[in-house]
């Protein structure tokens, strides 16, 4: 009925999930501190990546969500520009 590879894959996925959860629960405080330091989970307008505010409300207003969206779009555009610049630099180096 079930293929043996499916059962092995399911068991491996289940084991990886259990191990991941165990590691997370053992290191929850340090993981949460690192995420807070990089600004993950903080969607307050005007906050920079290295500066996180204390958002006490789980519900965010539309303005806060739009500000976070714009910030992420700016970060994505900046990253794409850096990747393109690096690619052009690599192509110029290969041409020489």
C-alpha atoms as a PDB file:
ATOM      1  CA  UNK A   1       0.000   0.000   0.000  1.00  0.00           C
ATOM      2  CA  UNK A   2       2.638   2.561   1.070  1.00  0.00           C
ATOM      3  CA  UNK A   3       5.994   2.705  -0.582  1.00  0.00           C
ATOM      4  CA  UNK A   4       8.887   2.027   1.772  1.00  0.00           C
ATOM      5  CA  UNK A   5      10.621   5.274   0.714  1.00  0.00           C
ATOM      6  CA  UNK A   6       7.557   7.282   1.756  1.00  0.00           C
ATOM      7  CA  UNK A   7       7.584   5.731   5.212  1.00  0.00           C
ATOM      8  CA  UNK A   8      11.342   6.311   5.586  1.00  0.00           C
ATOM      9  CA  UNK A   9      10.922   9.933   4.461  1.00  0.00           C
ATOM     10  CA  UNK A  10       8.053  10.460   6.874  1.00  0.00           C
ATOM     11  CA  UNK A  11      10.042   8.979   9.755  1.00  0.00           C
ATOM     12  CA  UNK A  12      13.083  11.108   8.903  1.00  0.00           C
ATOM     13  CA  UNK A  13      10.937  14.255   8.741  1.00  0.00           C
ATOM     14  CA  UNK A  14       9.279  13.428  12.025  1.00  0.00           C
ATOM     15  CA  UNK A  15      12.644  12.804  13.674  1.00  0.00           C
ATOM     16  CA  UNK A  16      14.048  16.081  12.298  1.00  0.00           C
ATOM     17  CA  UNK A  17      11.008  17.942  13.626  1.00  0.00           C
ATOM     18  CA  UNK A  18      11.356  16.420  17.080  1.00  0.00           C
ATOM     19  CA  UNK A  19      15.088  17.162  17.217  1.00  0.00           C
ATOM     20  CA  UNK A  20      14.501  20.733  15.992  1.00  0.00           C
ATOM     21  CA  UNK A  21      11.796  21.330  18.576  1.00  0.00           C
ATOM     22  CA  UNK A  22      13.995  19.911  21.333  1.00  0.00           C
ATOM     23  CA  UNK A  23      16.918  22.148  20.319  1.00  0.00           C
ATOM     24  CA  UNK A  24      14.632  25.180  20.120  1.00  0.00           C
ATOM     25  CA  UNK A  25      13.038  24.530  23.497  1.00  0.00           C
ATOM     26  CA  UNK A  26      16.458  24.045  25.120  1.00  0.00           C
ATOM     27  CA  UNK A  27      17.797  27.310  23.630  1.00  0.00           C
ATOM     28  CA  UNK A  28      14.574  29.353  23.515  1.00  0.00           C
ATOM     29  CA  UNK A  29      15.846  32.323  25.513  1.00  0.00           C
ATOM     30  CA  UNK A  30      19.052  32.760  23.504  1.00  0.00           C
ATOM     31  CA  UNK A  31      17.200  32.327  20.190  1.00  0.00           C
ATOM     32  CA  UNK A  32      14.573  34.881  21.181  1.00  0.00           C
ATOM     33  CA  UNK A  33      17.274  37.321  22.294  1.00  0.00           C
ATOM     34  CA  UNK A  34      19.109  36.984  18.976  1.00  0.00           C
ATOM     35  CA  UNK A  35      15.896  37.459  17.011  1.00  0.00           C
ATOM     36  CA  UNK A  36      15.093  40.559  19.026  1.00  0.00           C
ATOM     37  CA  UNK A  37      18.604  41.931  18.411  1.00  0.00           C
ATOM     38  CA  UNK A  38      18.231  41.638  14.643  1.00  0.00           C
ATOM     39  CA  UNK A  39      14.748  43.102  14.684  1.00  0.00           C
ATOM     40  CA  UNK A  40      12.763  40.002  13.780  1.00  0.00           C
ATOM     41  CA  UNK A  41       9.208  40.146  14.993  1.00  0.00           C
ATOM     42  CA  UNK A  42       9.308  43.904  15.416  1.00  0.00           C
ATOM     43  CA  UNK A  43       7.077  45.715  12.968  1.00  0.00           C
ATOM     44  CA  UNK A  44       7.082  49.213  14.402  1.00  0.00           C
ATOM     45  CA  UNK A  45       7.388  52.053  11.902  1.00  0.00           C
ATOM     46  CA  UNK A  46      10.764  53.715  11.773  1.00  0.00           C
ATOM     47  CA  UNK A  47      12.665  50.927  13.476  1.00  0.00           C
ATOM     48  CA  UNK A  48      15.942  50.023  11.839  1.00  0.00           C
ATOM     49  CA  UNK A  49      17.327  46.513  11.538  1.00  0.00           C
ATOM     50  CA  UNK A  50      19.626  46.949  14.540  1.00  0.00           C
ATOM     51  CA  UNK A  51      17.070  48.905  16.576  1.00  0.00           C
ATOM     52  CA  UNK A  52      13.977  47.129  17.772  1.00  0.00           C
ATOM     53  CA  UNK A  53      11.124  48.671  19.646  1.00  0.00           C
ATOM     54  CA  UNK A  54       8.928  46.913  22.163  1.00  0.00           C
ATOM     55  CA  UNK A  55       5.675  46.102  20.411  1.00  0.00           C
ATOM     56  CA  UNK A  56       3.289  45.107  23.146  1.00  0.00           C
ATOM     57  CA  UNK A  57       0.272  44.620  20.903  1.00  0.00           C
ATOM     58  CA  UNK A  58      -0.096  41.486  18.815  1.00  0.00           C
ATOM     59  CA  UNK A  59      -2.443  43.378  16.483  1.00  0.00           C
ATOM     60  CA  UNK A  60      -0.669  45.787  14.150  1.00  0.00           C
ATOM     61  CA  UNK A  61      -2.375  48.679  12.442  1.00  0.00           C
ATOM     62  CA  UNK A  62      -2.508  48.995   8.688  1.00  0.00           C
ATOM     63  CA  UNK A  63      -0.040  51.881   8.808  1.00  0.00           C
ATOM     64  CA  UNK A  64       2.476  49.811  10.763  1.00  0.00           C
ATOM     65  CA  UNK A  65       2.160  46.936   8.311  1.00  0.00           C
ATOM     66  CA  UNK A  66       2.593  49.247   5.322  1.00  0.00           C
ATOM     67  CA  UNK A  67       5.674  50.843   6.901  1.00  0.00           C
ATOM     68  CA  UNK A  68       7.186  47.391   7.485  1.00  0.00           C
ATOM     69  CA  UNK A  69       6.350  46.383   3.904  1.00  0.00           C
ATOM     70  CA  UNK A  70       8.098  49.475   2.530  1.00  0.00           C
ATOM     71  CA  UNK A  71      11.139  48.803   4.698  1.00  0.00           C
ATOM     72  CA  UNK A  72      11.332  45.213   3.450  1.00  0.00           C
ATOM     73  CA  UNK A  73      10.930  46.317  -0.171  1.00  0.00           C
ATOM     74  CA  UNK A  74      13.809  48.783   0.316  1.00  0.00           C
ATOM     75  CA  UNK A  75      15.999  46.045   1.818  1.00  0.00           C
ATOM     76  CA  UNK A  76      15.155  43.700  -1.067  1.00  0.00           C
ATOM     77  CA  UNK A  77      15.964  46.366  -3.669  1.00  0.00           C
ATOM     78  CA  UNK A  78      19.248  47.156  -1.922  1.00  0.00           C
ATOM     79  CA  UNK A  79      20.194  43.475  -1.807  1.00  0.00           C
ATOM     80  CA  UNK A  80      19.346  42.998  -5.496  1.00  0.00           C
ATOM     81  CA  UNK A  81      21.490  46.004  -6.409  1.00  0.00           C
ATOM     82  CA  UNK A  82      24.427  44.593  -4.437  1.00  0.00           C
ATOM     83  CA  UNK A  83      24.055  41.188  -6.129  1.00  0.00           C
ATOM     84  CA  UNK A  84      23.883  42.783  -9.579  1.00  0.00           C
ATOM     85  CA  UNK A  85      26.924  44.934  -8.829  1.00  0.00           C
ATOM     86  CA  UNK A  86      28.872  41.879  -7.654  1.00  0.00           C
ATOM     87  CA  UNK A  87      27.846  39.958 -10.785  1.00  0.00           C
ATOM     88  CA  UNK A  88      28.983  42.823 -13.030  1.00  0.00           C
ATOM     89  CA  UNK A  89      32.276  42.973 -11.152  1.00  0.00           C
ATOM     90  CA  UNK A  90      32.782  39.234 -11.620  1.00  0.00           C
ATOM     91  CA  UNK A  91      31.991  39.483 -15.340  1.00  0.00           C
ATOM     92  CA  UNK A  92      34.458  42.374 -15.724  1.00  0.00           C
ATOM     93  CA  UNK A  93      37.133  40.362 -13.917  1.00  0.00           C
ATOM     94  CA  UNK A  94      36.538  37.367 -16.187  1.00  0.00           C
ATOM     95  CA  UNK A  95      36.736  39.534 -19.293  1.00  0.00           C
ATOM     96  CA  UNK A  96      40.240  40.690 -18.359  1.00  0.00           C
END
